[in-house]
Amino acid sequence: MDLDQLHTFLEIVRLKSFSKAAQTCYRTQPAISAQVRQLEQELNTTLFERLGTKIALTAAGKIFAGYAEQILDLRRRAQDTINELERVPRGELVIAANEATCIYVLPVVFSEYKKKFPNVQLSVDRSYGSRVVDAVLDNLADFGITQLPIQEKKLQVAKIHSDEIILLLPGKHPLANKKYVVPTDVAGHPLLLPMSGTTRARLNVWLEPVEGEIQISMELDSTEMIKRFVMAGLGYSFLAASHCREEVASGKLSAVPLGPEPMYRKVALIYRRDKALSKAALAFIQVILEHAGNVGSALTPSKLPEAASIRAGG
């Protein structure tokens, strides 16, 4: 049983004639009759009674006609809904991202996106590091936002912004007057370090010259915990500058660039290369490329006092 057979059957019912249905279906009458025989064989019943030159539906035919109309109506509604997606995208997009991205990047992006596509539901899968990549690879998320580099060849990678890693200190700290800090400036002081990830790996390299003098007080996996603990005087830490711009501006925290060369983190949008992208998904890519790079961009080293460097968020 296929949709074409149902259409033919209903045309016969509507016109009460095999020959007239053959004309509207652009088929020969024998072809029309063959389609009806195939339906009757599949249903194991007779659908039409032949009364001389006239036809009429059997009891089974009347029941089947009702269901055939529903099936074709569902088919039309499905097609209309799909066509509507091109005009007014709807559905759901799942974005995998870490805590900081959820707080500092996605609100702006989601706000802009919802203005354009209010019928698309946006959901966040809060993940960390490699789990963001895995979520996209396993089709648990449509998009991921994570740090570069990404080595997985199955993924399309689009850089959305960069951010500077800074030394985070309690407010009005003496080191805040320095142009930048080097590893010896933090040697012997308690440090609150990220628990894992790309930034932690790069900080380990930066700290190698004073490795024997490093005092790791805590390892934390939360941006908000790091800021609170630094405010409480529990140690120095390192963060993406845009993640603490409000606290720095209010004087609760101080931020100093790392030296002698600054350290930047690059953040990218990732998605599967082989995945067909809906209009809603393509629009999300466009919106995040347009707006994610602007997060915190108004605050740069040259515009901040006390060498506090705040760059594009991540």
C-alpha atoms as a PDB file:
ATOM      1  CA  MET A   1       0.000   0.000   0.000  1.00  0.00           C
ATOM      2  CA  ASP A   2       1.380   3.377  -0.984  1.00  0.00           C
ATOM      3  CA  LEU A   3       0.146   6.957  -0.999  1.00  0.00           C
ATOM      4  CA  ASP A   4      -0.471   6.918  -4.755  1.00  0.00           C
ATOM      5  CA  GLN A   5      -2.863   3.969  -4.382  1.00  0.00           C
ATOM      6  CA  LEU A   6      -4.742   5.836  -1.656  1.00  0.00           C
ATOM      7  CA  HIS A   7      -5.006   8.925  -3.846  1.00  0.00           C
ATOM      8  CA  THR A   8      -6.356   6.839  -6.734  1.00  0.00           C
ATOM      9  CA  PHE A   9      -8.858   5.084  -4.476  1.00  0.00           C
ATOM     10  CA  LEU A  10     -10.207   8.373  -3.118  1.00  0.00           C
ATOM     11  CA  GLU A  11     -10.492   9.843  -6.619  1.00  0.00           C
ATOM     12  CA  ILE A  12     -12.694   6.916  -7.605  1.00  0.00           C
ATOM     13  CA  VAL A  13     -14.783   7.468  -4.475  1.00  0.00           C
ATOM     14  CA  ARG A  14     -15.078  11.210  -5.203  1.00  0.00           C
ATOM     15  CA  LEU A  15     -15.988  10.818  -8.892  1.00  0.00           C
ATOM     16  CA  LYS A  16     -17.878   7.517  -8.524  1.00  0.00           C
ATOM     17  CA  SER A  17     -16.205   6.367 -11.706  1.00  0.00           C
ATOM     18  CA  PHE A  18     -13.085   4.413 -12.659  1.00  0.00           C
ATOM     19  CA  SER A  19     -12.870   6.080 -16.062  1.00  0.00           C
ATOM     20  CA  LYS A  20     -13.145   9.623 -14.709  1.00  0.00           C
ATOM     21  CA  ALA A  21     -10.569   8.856 -12.006  1.00  0.00           C
ATOM     22  CA  ALA A  22      -8.239   7.535 -14.692  1.00  0.00           C
ATOM     23  CA  GLN A  23      -8.414  10.944 -16.393  1.00  0.00           C
ATOM     24  CA  THR A  24      -7.733  13.006 -13.263  1.00  0.00           C
ATOM     25  CA  CYS A  25      -4.900  10.659 -12.244  1.00  0.00           C
ATOM     26  CA  TYR A  26      -3.415  10.671 -15.782  1.00  0.00           C
ATOM     27  CA  ARG A  27      -3.539   6.875 -16.033  1.00  0.00           C
ATOM     28  CA  THR A  28      -5.357   4.328 -18.119  1.00  0.00           C
ATOM     29  CA  GLN A  29      -8.466   2.689 -16.735  1.00  0.00           C
ATOM     30  CA  PRO A  30      -6.767  -0.753 -16.589  1.00  0.00           C
ATOM     31  CA  ALA A  31      -3.983   0.787 -14.498  1.00  0.00           C
ATOM     32  CA  ILE A  32      -6.542   2.286 -12.131  1.00  0.00           C
ATOM     33  CA  SER A  33      -8.329  -1.035 -11.814  1.00  0.00           C
ATOM     34  CA  ALA A  34      -5.018  -2.787 -11.115  1.00  0.00           C
ATOM     35  CA  GLN A  35      -4.279  -0.405  -8.240  1.00  0.00           C
ATOM     36  CA  VAL A  36      -7.679  -1.098  -6.673  1.00  0.00           C
ATOM     37  CA  ARG A  37      -7.156  -4.874  -7.018  1.00  0.00           C
ATOM     38  CA  GLN A  38      -3.785  -4.558  -5.259  1.00  0.00           C
ATOM     39  CA  LEU A  39      -5.439  -2.667  -2.387  1.00  0.00           C
ATOM     40  CA  GLU A  40      -8.218  -5.253  -2.114  1.00  0.00           C
ATOM     41  CA  GLN A  41      -5.704  -8.094  -2.094  1.00  0.00           C
ATOM     42  CA  GLU A  42      -3.620  -6.406   0.621  1.00  0.00           C
ATOM     43  CA  LEU A  43      -6.687  -5.646   2.744  1.00  0.00           C
ATOM     44  CA  ASN A  44      -8.252  -9.039   1.946  1.00  0.00           C
ATOM     45  CA  THR A  45     -11.629  -7.481   1.235  1.00  0.00           C
ATOM     46  CA  THR A  46     -13.724  -5.932  -1.539  1.00  0.00           C
ATOM     47  CA  LEU A  47     -13.812  -2.155  -1.600  1.00  0.00           C
ATOM     48  CA  PHE A  48     -16.301  -1.499  -4.426  1.00  0.00           C
ATOM     49  CA  GLU A  49     -19.536  -3.101  -5.545  1.00  0.00           C
ATOM     50  CA  ARG A  50     -20.094  -3.071  -9.304  1.00  0.00           C
ATOM     51  CA  LEU A  51     -23.756  -2.373 -10.040  1.00  0.00           C
ATOM     52  CA  GLY A  52     -23.963  -2.466 -13.799  1.00  0.00           C
ATOM     53  CA  THR A  53     -22.329   0.727 -15.024  1.00  0.00           C
ATOM     54  CA  LYS A  54     -22.299   2.188 -11.501  1.00  0.00           C
ATOM     55  CA  ILE A  55     -20.080   1.552  -8.486  1.00  0.00           C
ATOM     56  CA  ALA A  56     -20.617   1.917  -4.768  1.00  0.00           C
ATOM     57  CA  LEU A  57     -18.469   1.441  -1.706  1.00  0.00           C
ATOM     58  CA  THR A  58     -18.851  -1.703   0.309  1.00  0.00           C
ATOM     59  CA  ALA A  59     -19.067  -1.477   4.096  1.00  0.00           C
ATOM     60  CA  ALA A  60     -15.316  -2.171   4.242  1.00  0.00           C
ATOM     61  CA  GLY A  61     -14.750   0.409   1.512  1.00  0.00           C
ATOM     62  CA  LYS A  62     -16.542   3.097   3.525  1.00  0.00           C
ATOM     63  CA  ILE A  63     -14.403   2.363   6.584  1.00  0.00           C
ATOM     64  CA  PHE A  64     -11.219   2.326   4.532  1.00  0.00           C
ATOM     65  CA  ALA A  65     -12.119   5.593   2.790  1.00  0.00           C
ATOM     66  CA  GLY A  66     -12.184   7.370   6.149  1.00  0.00           C
ATOM     67  CA  TYR A  67      -8.747   6.102   7.081  1.00  0.00           C
ATOM     68  CA  ALA A  68      -7.340   6.833   3.621  1.00  0.00           C
ATOM     69  CA  GLU A  69      -8.455  10.468   3.945  1.00  0.00           C
ATOM     70  CA  GLN A  70      -6.777  10.716   7.355  1.00  0.00           C
ATOM     71  CA  ILE A  71      -3.534   9.233   6.031  1.00  0.00           C
ATOM     72  CA  LEU A  72      -3.359  11.629   3.087  1.00  0.00           C
ATOM     73  CA  ASP A  73      -4.327  14.532   5.339  1.00  0.00           C
ATOM     74  CA  LEU A  74      -1.474  13.643   7.705  1.00  0.00           C
ATOM     75  CA  ARG A  75       0.853  13.483   4.735  1.00  0.00           C
ATOM     76  CA  ARG A  76      -0.229  16.974   3.624  1.00  0.00           C
ATOM     77  CA  ARG A  77       0.127  18.327   7.148  1.00  0.00           C
ATOM     78  CA  ALA A  78       3.587  16.817   7.457  1.00  0.00           C
ATOM     79  CA  GLN A  79       4.648  18.388   4.174  1.00  0.00           C
ATOM     80  CA  ASP A  80       3.157  21.747   5.138  1.00  0.00           C
ATOM     81  CA  THR A  81       4.993  21.662   8.480  1.00  0.00           C
ATOM     82  CA  ILE A  82       8.274  20.841   6.778  1.00  0.00           C
ATOM     83  CA  ASN A  83       7.741  23.604   4.232  1.00  0.00           C
ATOM     84  CA  GLU A  84       6.936  25.982   7.086  1.00  0.00           C
ATOM     85  CA  LEU A  85      10.332  25.249   8.620  1.00  0.00           C
ATOM     86  CA  GLU A  86      11.929  27.036   5.697  1.00  0.00           C
ATOM     87  CA  ARG A  87       9.802  30.113   6.331  1.00  0.00           C
ATOM     88  CA  VAL A  88       9.520  30.001  10.136  1.00  0.00           C
ATOM     89  CA  PRO A  89      12.151  27.663  11.643  1.00  0.00           C
ATOM     90  CA  ARG A  90      11.044  25.709  14.697  1.00  0.00           C
ATOM     91  CA  GLY A  91      12.224  22.715  16.667  1.00  0.00           C
ATOM     92  CA  GLU A  92      15.093  22.411  19.137  1.00  0.00           C
ATOM     93  CA  LEU A  93      18.833  23.064  19.099  1.00  0.00           C
ATOM     94  CA  VAL A  94      21.072  21.604  21.794  1.00  0.00           C
ATOM     95  CA  ILE A  95      24.368  23.390  22.560  1.00  0.00           C
ATOM     96  CA  ALA A  96      27.067  21.742  24.672  1.00  0.00           C
ATOM     97  CA  ALA A  97      29.225  24.216  26.582  1.00  0.00           C
ATOM     98  CA  ASN A  98      31.027  24.666  29.893  1.00  0.00           C
ATOM     99  CA  GLU A  99      29.836  26.768  32.810  1.00  0.00           C
ATOM    100  CA  ALA A 100      31.671  29.946  31.835  1.00  0.00           C
ATOM    101  CA  THR A 101      30.382  29.842  28.260  1.00  0.00           C
ATOM    102  CA  CYS A 102      26.843  29.343  29.549  1.00  0.00           C
ATOM    103  CA  ILE A 103      27.182  32.416  31.766  1.00  0.00           C
ATOM    104  CA  TYR A 104      29.244  34.829  29.679  1.00  0.00           C
ATOM    105  CA  VAL A 105      28.644  33.964  26.011  1.00  0.00           C
ATOM    106  CA  LEU A 106      25.343  32.182  25.475  1.00  0.00           C
ATOM    107  CA  PRO A 107      22.947  34.718  27.053  1.00  0.00           C
ATOM    108  CA  VAL A 108      23.838  37.352  24.433  1.00  0.00           C
ATOM    109  CA  VAL A 109      23.770  34.827  21.588  1.00  0.00           C
ATOM    110  CA  PHE A 110      20.495  33.260  22.731  1.00  0.00           C
ATOM    111  CA  SER A 111      18.862  36.665  23.130  1.00  0.00           C
ATOM    112  CA  GLU A 112      19.754  37.715  19.588  1.00  0.00           C
ATOM    113  CA  TYR A 113      18.738  34.357  18.159  1.00  0.00           C
ATOM    114  CA  LYS A 114      15.350  34.285  19.896  1.00  0.00           C
ATOM    115  CA  LYS A 115      14.535  37.726  18.529  1.00  0.00           C
ATOM    116  CA  LYS A 116      14.797  36.278  15.023  1.00  0.00           C
ATOM    117  CA  PHE A 117      13.536  32.744  15.637  1.00  0.00           C
ATOM    118  CA  PRO A 118      11.187  32.668  18.643  1.00  0.00           C
ATOM    119  CA  ASN A 119       9.776  29.251  17.704  1.00  0.00           C
ATOM    120  CA  VAL A 120      13.112  27.439  18.058  1.00  0.00           C
ATOM    121  CA  GLN A 121      13.815  26.028  21.513  1.00  0.00           C
ATOM    122  CA  LEU A 122      17.424  26.417  22.655  1.00  0.00           C
ATOM    123  CA  SER A 123      18.765  23.974  25.233  1.00  0.00           C
ATOM    124  CA  VAL A 124      22.139  23.795  26.981  1.00  0.00           C
ATOM    125  CA  ASP A 125      24.036  20.587  27.713  1.00  0.00           C
ATOM    126  CA  ARG A 126      26.448  21.733  30.418  1.00  0.00           C
ATOM    127  CA  SER A 127      29.687  19.846  29.731  1.00  0.00           C
ATOM    128  CA  TYR A 128      33.420  20.285  30.168  1.00  0.00           C
ATOM    129  CA  GLY A 129      36.414  19.925  27.847  1.00  0.00           C
ATOM    130  CA  SER A 130      36.443  16.685  25.896  1.00  0.00           C
ATOM    131  CA  ARG A 131      32.854  15.956  26.881  1.00  0.00           C
ATOM    132  CA  VAL A 132      31.714  18.863  24.715  1.00  0.00           C
ATOM    133  CA  VAL A 133      33.439  17.245  21.738  1.00  0.00           C
ATOM    134  CA  ASP A 134      31.984  13.830  22.596  1.00  0.00           C
ATOM    135  CA  ALA A 135      28.461  15.248  22.891  1.00  0.00           C
ATOM    136  CA  VAL A 136      28.662  16.642  19.355  1.00  0.00           C
ATOM    137  CA  LEU A 137      30.271  13.498  17.915  1.00  0.00           C
ATOM    138  CA  ASP A 138      27.600  11.311  19.525  1.00  0.00           C
ATOM    139  CA  ASN A 139      24.785  13.554  18.224  1.00  0.00           C
ATOM    140  CA  LEU A 140      23.715  14.388  21.761  1.00  0.00           C
ATOM    141  CA  ALA A 141      24.243  18.066  20.913  1.00  0.00           C
ATOM    142  CA  ASP A 142      23.856  19.958  17.644  1.00  0.00           C
ATOM    143  CA  PHE A 143      26.695  22.354  18.493  1.00  0.00           C
ATOM    144  CA  GLY A 144      29.512  22.606  20.977  1.00  0.00           C
ATOM    145  CA  ILE A 145      31.537  25.572  22.188  1.00  0.00           C
ATOM    146  CA  THR A 146      35.010  24.718  23.403  1.00  0.00           C
ATOM    147  CA  GLN A 147      38.656  25.781  23.359  1.00  0.00           C
ATOM    148  CA  LEU A 148      40.998  25.241  20.444  1.00  0.00           C
ATOM    149  CA  PRO A 149      42.846  23.265  19.300  1.00  0.00           C
ATOM    150  CA  ILE A 150      40.420  20.572  18.130  1.00  0.00           C
ATOM    151  CA  GLN A 151      42.003  17.583  16.395  1.00  0.00           C
ATOM    152  CA  GLU A 152      38.850  15.612  15.528  1.00  0.00           C
ATOM    153  CA  LYS A 153      38.528  15.536  11.724  1.00  0.00           C
ATOM    154  CA  LYS A 154      34.811  14.722  11.792  1.00  0.00           C
ATOM    155  CA  LEU A 155      34.076  18.168  13.166  1.00  0.00           C
ATOM    156  CA  GLN A 156      33.703  21.511  11.459  1.00  0.00           C
ATOM    157  CA  VAL A 157      35.444  24.157  13.567  1.00  0.00           C
ATOM    158  CA  ALA A 158      34.624  27.879  13.425  1.00  0.00           C
ATOM    159  CA  LYS A 159      36.568  30.232  15.687  1.00  0.00           C
ATOM    160  CA  ILE A 160      34.155  32.636  17.362  1.00  0.00           C
ATOM    161  CA  HIS A 161      36.433  34.719  19.596  1.00  0.00           C
ATOM    162  CA  SER A 162      39.611  34.864  21.651  1.00  0.00           C
ATOM    163  CA  ASP A 163      40.166  35.856  25.253  1.00  0.00           C
ATOM    164  CA  GLU A 164      43.187  36.692  27.373  1.00  0.00           C
ATOM    165  CA  ILE A 165      44.146  34.578  30.383  1.00  0.00           C
ATOM    166  CA  ILE A 166      45.016  36.847  33.317  1.00  0.00           C
ATOM    167  CA  LEU A 167      46.281  36.528  36.878  1.00  0.00           C
ATOM    168  CA  LEU A 168      43.346  37.087  39.212  1.00  0.00           C
ATOM    169  CA  LEU A 169      44.050  38.785  42.560  1.00  0.00           C
ATOM    170  CA  PRO A 170      42.047  40.194  45.479  1.00  0.00           C
ATOM    171  CA  GLY A 171      41.007  43.818  45.010  1.00  0.00           C
ATOM    172  CA  LYS A 172      43.715  46.525  45.328  1.00  0.00           C
ATOM    173  CA  HIS A 173      46.521  43.960  45.406  1.00  0.00           C
ATOM    174  CA  PRO A 174      50.091  45.356  45.048  1.00  0.00           C
ATOM    175  CA  LEU A 175      50.754  43.171  41.975  1.00  0.00           C
ATOM    176  CA  ALA A 176      47.880  44.917  40.211  1.00  0.00           C
ATOM    177  CA  ASN A 177      50.206  47.867  39.511  1.00  0.00           C
ATOM    178  CA  LYS A 178      52.523  45.743  37.358  1.00  0.00           C
ATOM    179  CA  LYS A 179      52.338  45.880  33.570  1.00  0.00           C
ATOM    180  CA  TYR A 180      52.401  42.088  33.562  1.00  0.00           C
ATOM    181  CA  VAL A 181      53.425  39.257  35.861  1.00  0.00           C
ATOM    182  CA  VAL A 182      55.931  36.458  35.285  1.00  0.00           C
ATOM    183  CA  PRO A 183      56.067  33.040  37.003  1.00  0.00           C
ATOM    184  CA  THR A 184      58.431  34.253  39.741  1.00  0.00           C
ATOM    185  CA  ASP A 185      55.754  36.751  40.861  1.00  0.00           C
ATOM    186  CA  VAL A 186      53.443  33.934  41.929  1.00  0.00           C
ATOM    187  CA  ALA A 187      56.053  31.498  43.246  1.00  0.00           C
ATOM    188  CA  GLY A 188      55.529  30.736  46.917  1.00  0.00           C
ATOM    189  CA  HIS A 189      51.926  32.033  46.939  1.00  0.00           C
ATOM    190  CA  PRO A 190      48.870  29.750  47.235  1.00  0.00           C
ATOM    191  CA  LEU A 191      47.319  29.152  43.835  1.00  0.00           C
ATOM    192  CA  LEU A 192      43.753  28.189  42.916  1.00  0.00           C
ATOM    193  CA  LEU A 193      44.103  26.391  39.588  1.00  0.00           C
ATOM    194  CA  PRO A 194      41.582  25.034  37.093  1.00  0.00           C
ATOM    195  CA  MET A 195      41.129  21.340  37.734  1.00  0.00           C
ATOM    196  CA  SER A 196      41.777  20.281  34.121  1.00  0.00           C
ATOM    197  CA  GLY A 197      41.482  21.355  30.519  1.00  0.00           C
ATOM    198  CA  THR A 198      43.421  23.276  27.889  1.00  0.00           C
ATOM    199  CA  THR A 199      43.967  26.371  30.050  1.00  0.00           C
ATOM    200  CA  ARG A 200      45.356  24.262  32.900  1.00  0.00           C
ATOM    201  CA  ALA A 201      47.776  22.545  30.534  1.00  0.00           C
ATOM    202  CA  ARG A 202      49.039  25.899  29.256  1.00  0.00           C
ATOM    203  CA  LEU A 203      49.380  27.274  32.781  1.00  0.00           C
ATOM    204  CA  ASN A 204      51.454  24.237  33.740  1.00  0.00           C
ATOM    205  CA  VAL A 205      53.854  25.124  30.941  1.00  0.00           C
ATOM    206  CA  TRP A 206      53.942  28.795  31.985  1.00  0.00           C
ATOM    207  CA  LEU A 207      54.717  27.810  35.590  1.00  0.00           C
ATOM    208  CA  GLU A 208      57.492  25.339  34.697  1.00  0.00           C
ATOM    209  CA  PRO A 209      60.350  27.790  35.470  1.00  0.00           C
ATOM    210  CA  VAL A 210      59.241  27.875  39.137  1.00  0.00           C
ATOM    211  CA  GLU A 211      57.755  24.381  39.312  1.00  0.00           C
ATOM    212  CA  GLY A 212      59.556  23.532  42.547  1.00  0.00           C
ATOM    213  CA  GLU A 213      58.212  26.633  44.310  1.00  0.00           C
ATOM    214  CA  ILE A 214      54.553  26.349  43.263  1.00  0.00           C
ATOM    215  CA  GLN A 215      51.975  26.020  46.044  1.00  0.00           C
ATOM    216  CA  ILE A 216      48.720  24.640  44.705  1.00  0.00           C
ATOM    217  CA  SER A 217      46.128  25.399  47.356  1.00  0.00           C
ATOM    218  CA  MET A 218      43.048  24.116  45.483  1.00  0.00           C
ATOM    219  CA  GLU A 219      41.987  22.751  42.101  1.00  0.00           C
ATOM    220  CA  LEU A 220      38.530  23.967  41.084  1.00  0.00           C
ATOM    221  CA  ASP A 221      36.201  23.315  38.153  1.00  0.00           C
ATOM    222  CA  SER A 222      33.959  26.367  38.580  1.00  0.00           C
ATOM    223  CA  THR A 223      34.620  29.906  37.393  1.00  0.00           C
ATOM    224  CA  GLU A 224      32.322  31.349  40.045  1.00  0.00           C
ATOM    225  CA  MET A 225      34.048  29.403  42.830  1.00  0.00           C
ATOM    226  CA  ILE A 226      37.438  30.631  41.667  1.00  0.00           C
ATOM    227  CA  LYS A 227      36.317  34.261  41.804  1.00  0.00           C
ATOM    228  CA  ARG A 228      34.688  33.883  45.222  1.00  0.00           C
ATOM    229  CA  PHE A 229      37.708  32.149  46.694  1.00  0.00           C
ATOM    230  CA  VAL A 230      40.113  34.780  45.354  1.00  0.00           C
ATOM    231  CA  MET A 231      37.905  37.520  46.820  1.00  0.00           C
ATOM    232  CA  ALA A 232      38.073  35.694  50.138  1.00  0.00           C
ATOM    233  CA  GLY A 233      41.885  35.853  50.032  1.00  0.00           C
ATOM    234  CA  LEU A 234      42.420  32.102  49.635  1.00  0.00           C
ATOM    235  CA  GLY A 235      44.966  32.534  46.850  1.00  0.00           C
ATOM    236  CA  TYR A 236      45.773  33.770  43.352  1.00  0.00           C
ATOM    237  CA  SER A 237      44.159  32.266  40.294  1.00  0.00           C
ATOM    238  CA  PHE A 238      43.949  32.497  36.508  1.00  0.00           C
ATOM    239  CA  LEU A 239      40.849  33.177  34.418  1.00  0.00           C
ATOM    240  CA  ALA A 240      39.731  34.322  31.015  1.00  0.00           C
ATOM    241  CA  ALA A 241      39.639  38.077  31.453  1.00  0.00           C
ATOM    242  CA  SER A 242      36.048  38.594  30.318  1.00  0.00           C
ATOM    243  CA  HIS A 243      34.824  36.207  33.011  1.00  0.00           C
ATOM    244  CA  CYS A 244      35.727  38.657  35.747  1.00  0.00           C
ATOM    245  CA  ARG A 245      35.303  42.049  34.106  1.00  0.00           C
ATOM    246  CA  GLU A 246      32.433  43.103  36.393  1.00  0.00           C
ATOM    247  CA  GLU A 247      34.343  42.233  39.564  1.00  0.00           C
ATOM    248  CA  VAL A 248      37.454  44.010  38.286  1.00  0.00           C
ATOM    249  CA  ALA A 249      35.450  47.104  37.340  1.00  0.00           C
ATOM    250  CA  SER A 250      33.893  47.205  40.817  1.00  0.00           C
ATOM    251  CA  GLY A 251      37.276  46.784  42.555  1.00  0.00           C
ATOM    252  CA  LYS A 252      36.424  43.432  44.131  1.00  0.00           C
ATOM    253  CA  LEU A 253      39.183  41.767  42.109  1.00  0.00           C
ATOM    254  CA  SER A 254      42.350  42.845  40.332  1.00  0.00           C
ATOM    255  CA  ALA A 255      43.548  41.423  37.021  1.00  0.00           C
ATOM    256  CA  VAL A 256      47.036  41.495  35.513  1.00  0.00           C
ATOM    257  CA  PRO A 257      48.187  40.091  32.140  1.00  0.00           C
ATOM    258  CA  LEU A 258      50.677  37.240  32.058  1.00  0.00           C
ATOM    259  CA  GLY A 259      54.126  37.885  30.651  1.00  0.00           C
ATOM    260  CA  PRO A 260      56.528  38.246  29.110  1.00  0.00           C
ATOM    261  CA  GLU A 261      54.114  37.253  26.312  1.00  0.00           C
ATOM    262  CA  PRO A 262      50.337  37.387  26.816  1.00  0.00           C
ATOM    263  CA  MET A 263      48.405  34.130  26.939  1.00  0.00           C
ATOM    264  CA  TYR A 264      45.258  33.867  24.842  1.00  0.00           C
ATOM    265  CA  ARG A 265      42.569  31.220  24.659  1.00  0.00           C
ATOM    266  CA  LYS A 266      40.724  30.691  21.405  1.00  0.00           C
ATOM    267  CA  VAL A 267      37.144  29.486  21.543  1.00  0.00           C
ATOM    268  CA  ALA A 268      35.351  27.773  18.673  1.00  0.00           C
ATOM    269  CA  LEU A 269      31.927  26.580  17.629  1.00  0.00           C
ATOM    270  CA  ILE A 270      32.008  22.929  16.574  1.00  0.00           C
ATOM    271  CA  TYR A 271      29.514  20.718  14.737  1.00  0.00           C
ATOM    272  CA  ARG A 272      29.626  17.525  12.701  1.00  0.00           C
ATOM    273  CA  ARG A 273      30.767  17.887   9.097  1.00  0.00           C
ATOM    274  CA  ASP A 274      28.404  15.157   7.901  1.00  0.00           C
ATOM    275  CA  LYS A 275      25.270  16.495   9.606  1.00  0.00           C
ATOM    276  CA  ALA A 276      22.589  18.111   7.484  1.00  0.00           C
ATOM    277  CA  LEU A 277      21.937  21.579   8.883  1.00  0.00           C
ATOM    278  CA  SER A 278      18.417  22.947   9.116  1.00  0.00           C
ATOM    279  CA  LYS A 279      17.663  26.604   8.507  1.00  0.00           C
ATOM    280  CA  ALA A 280      17.440  27.010  12.290  1.00  0.00           C
ATOM    281  CA  ALA A 281      20.940  25.529  12.696  1.00  0.00           C
ATOM    282  CA  LEU A 282      22.436  27.632   9.903  1.00  0.00           C
ATOM    283  CA  ALA A 283      20.922  30.727  11.490  1.00  0.00           C
ATOM    284  CA  PHE A 284      22.475  29.826  14.858  1.00  0.00           C
ATOM    285  CA  ILE A 285      25.914  29.657  13.239  1.00  0.00           C
ATOM    286  CA  GLN A 286      25.385  33.090  11.734  1.00  0.00           C
ATOM    287  CA  VAL A 287      24.180  34.631  15.001  1.00  0.00           C
ATOM    288  CA  ILE A 288      27.000  33.233  17.127  1.00  0.00           C
ATOM    289  CA  LEU A 289      29.631  34.342  14.611  1.00  0.00           C
ATOM    290  CA  GLU A 290      28.149  37.836  14.646  1.00  0.00           C
ATOM    291  CA  HIS A 291      27.661  38.262  18.393  1.00  0.00           C
ATOM    292  CA  ALA A 292      29.881  35.927  20.429  1.00  0.00           C
ATOM    293  CA  GLY A 293      33.016  37.815  19.471  1.00  0.00           C
ATOM    294  CA  ASN A 294      31.559  41.023  20.879  1.00  0.00           C
ATOM    295  CA  VAL A 295      31.239  39.752  24.454  1.00  0.00           C
ATOM    296  CA  GLY A 296      33.419  41.976  26.592  1.00  0.00           C
ATOM    297  CA  SER A 297      35.142  43.477  23.558  1.00  0.00           C
ATOM    298  CA  ALA A 298      34.704  47.016  24.842  1.00  0.00           C
ATOM    299  CA  LEU A 299      37.117  46.322  27.695  1.00  0.00           C
ATOM    300  CA  THR A 300      40.698  46.026  26.474  1.00  0.00           C
ATOM    301  CA  PRO A 301      44.112  46.479  28.156  1.00  0.00           C
ATOM    302  CA  SER A 302      44.524  49.970  26.787  1.00  0.00           C
ATOM    303  CA  LYS A 303      41.143  51.046  28.218  1.00  0.00           C
ATOM    304  CA  LEU A 304      41.411  49.558  31.697  1.00  0.00           C
ATOM    305  CA  PRO A 305      43.245  50.978  34.689  1.00  0.00           C
ATOM    306  CA  GLU A 306      45.768  48.924  36.663  1.00  0.00           C
ATOM    307  CA  ALA A 307      46.657  46.842  33.597  1.00  0.00           C
ATOM    308  CA  ALA A 308      43.490  44.792  33.938  1.00  0.00           C
ATOM    309  CA  SER A 309      43.005  43.175  30.533  1.00  0.00           C
ATOM    310  CA  ILE A 310      39.482  42.231  29.508  1.00  0.00           C
ATOM    311  CA  ARG A 311      38.943  40.887  26.013  1.00  0.00           C
ATOM    312  CA  ALA A 312      36.339  39.003  24.018  1.00  0.00           C
ATOM    313  CA  GLY A 313      34.469  36.566  26.221  1.00  0.00           C
ATOM    314  CA  GLY A 314      34.713  32.801  26.474  1.00  0.00           C
END
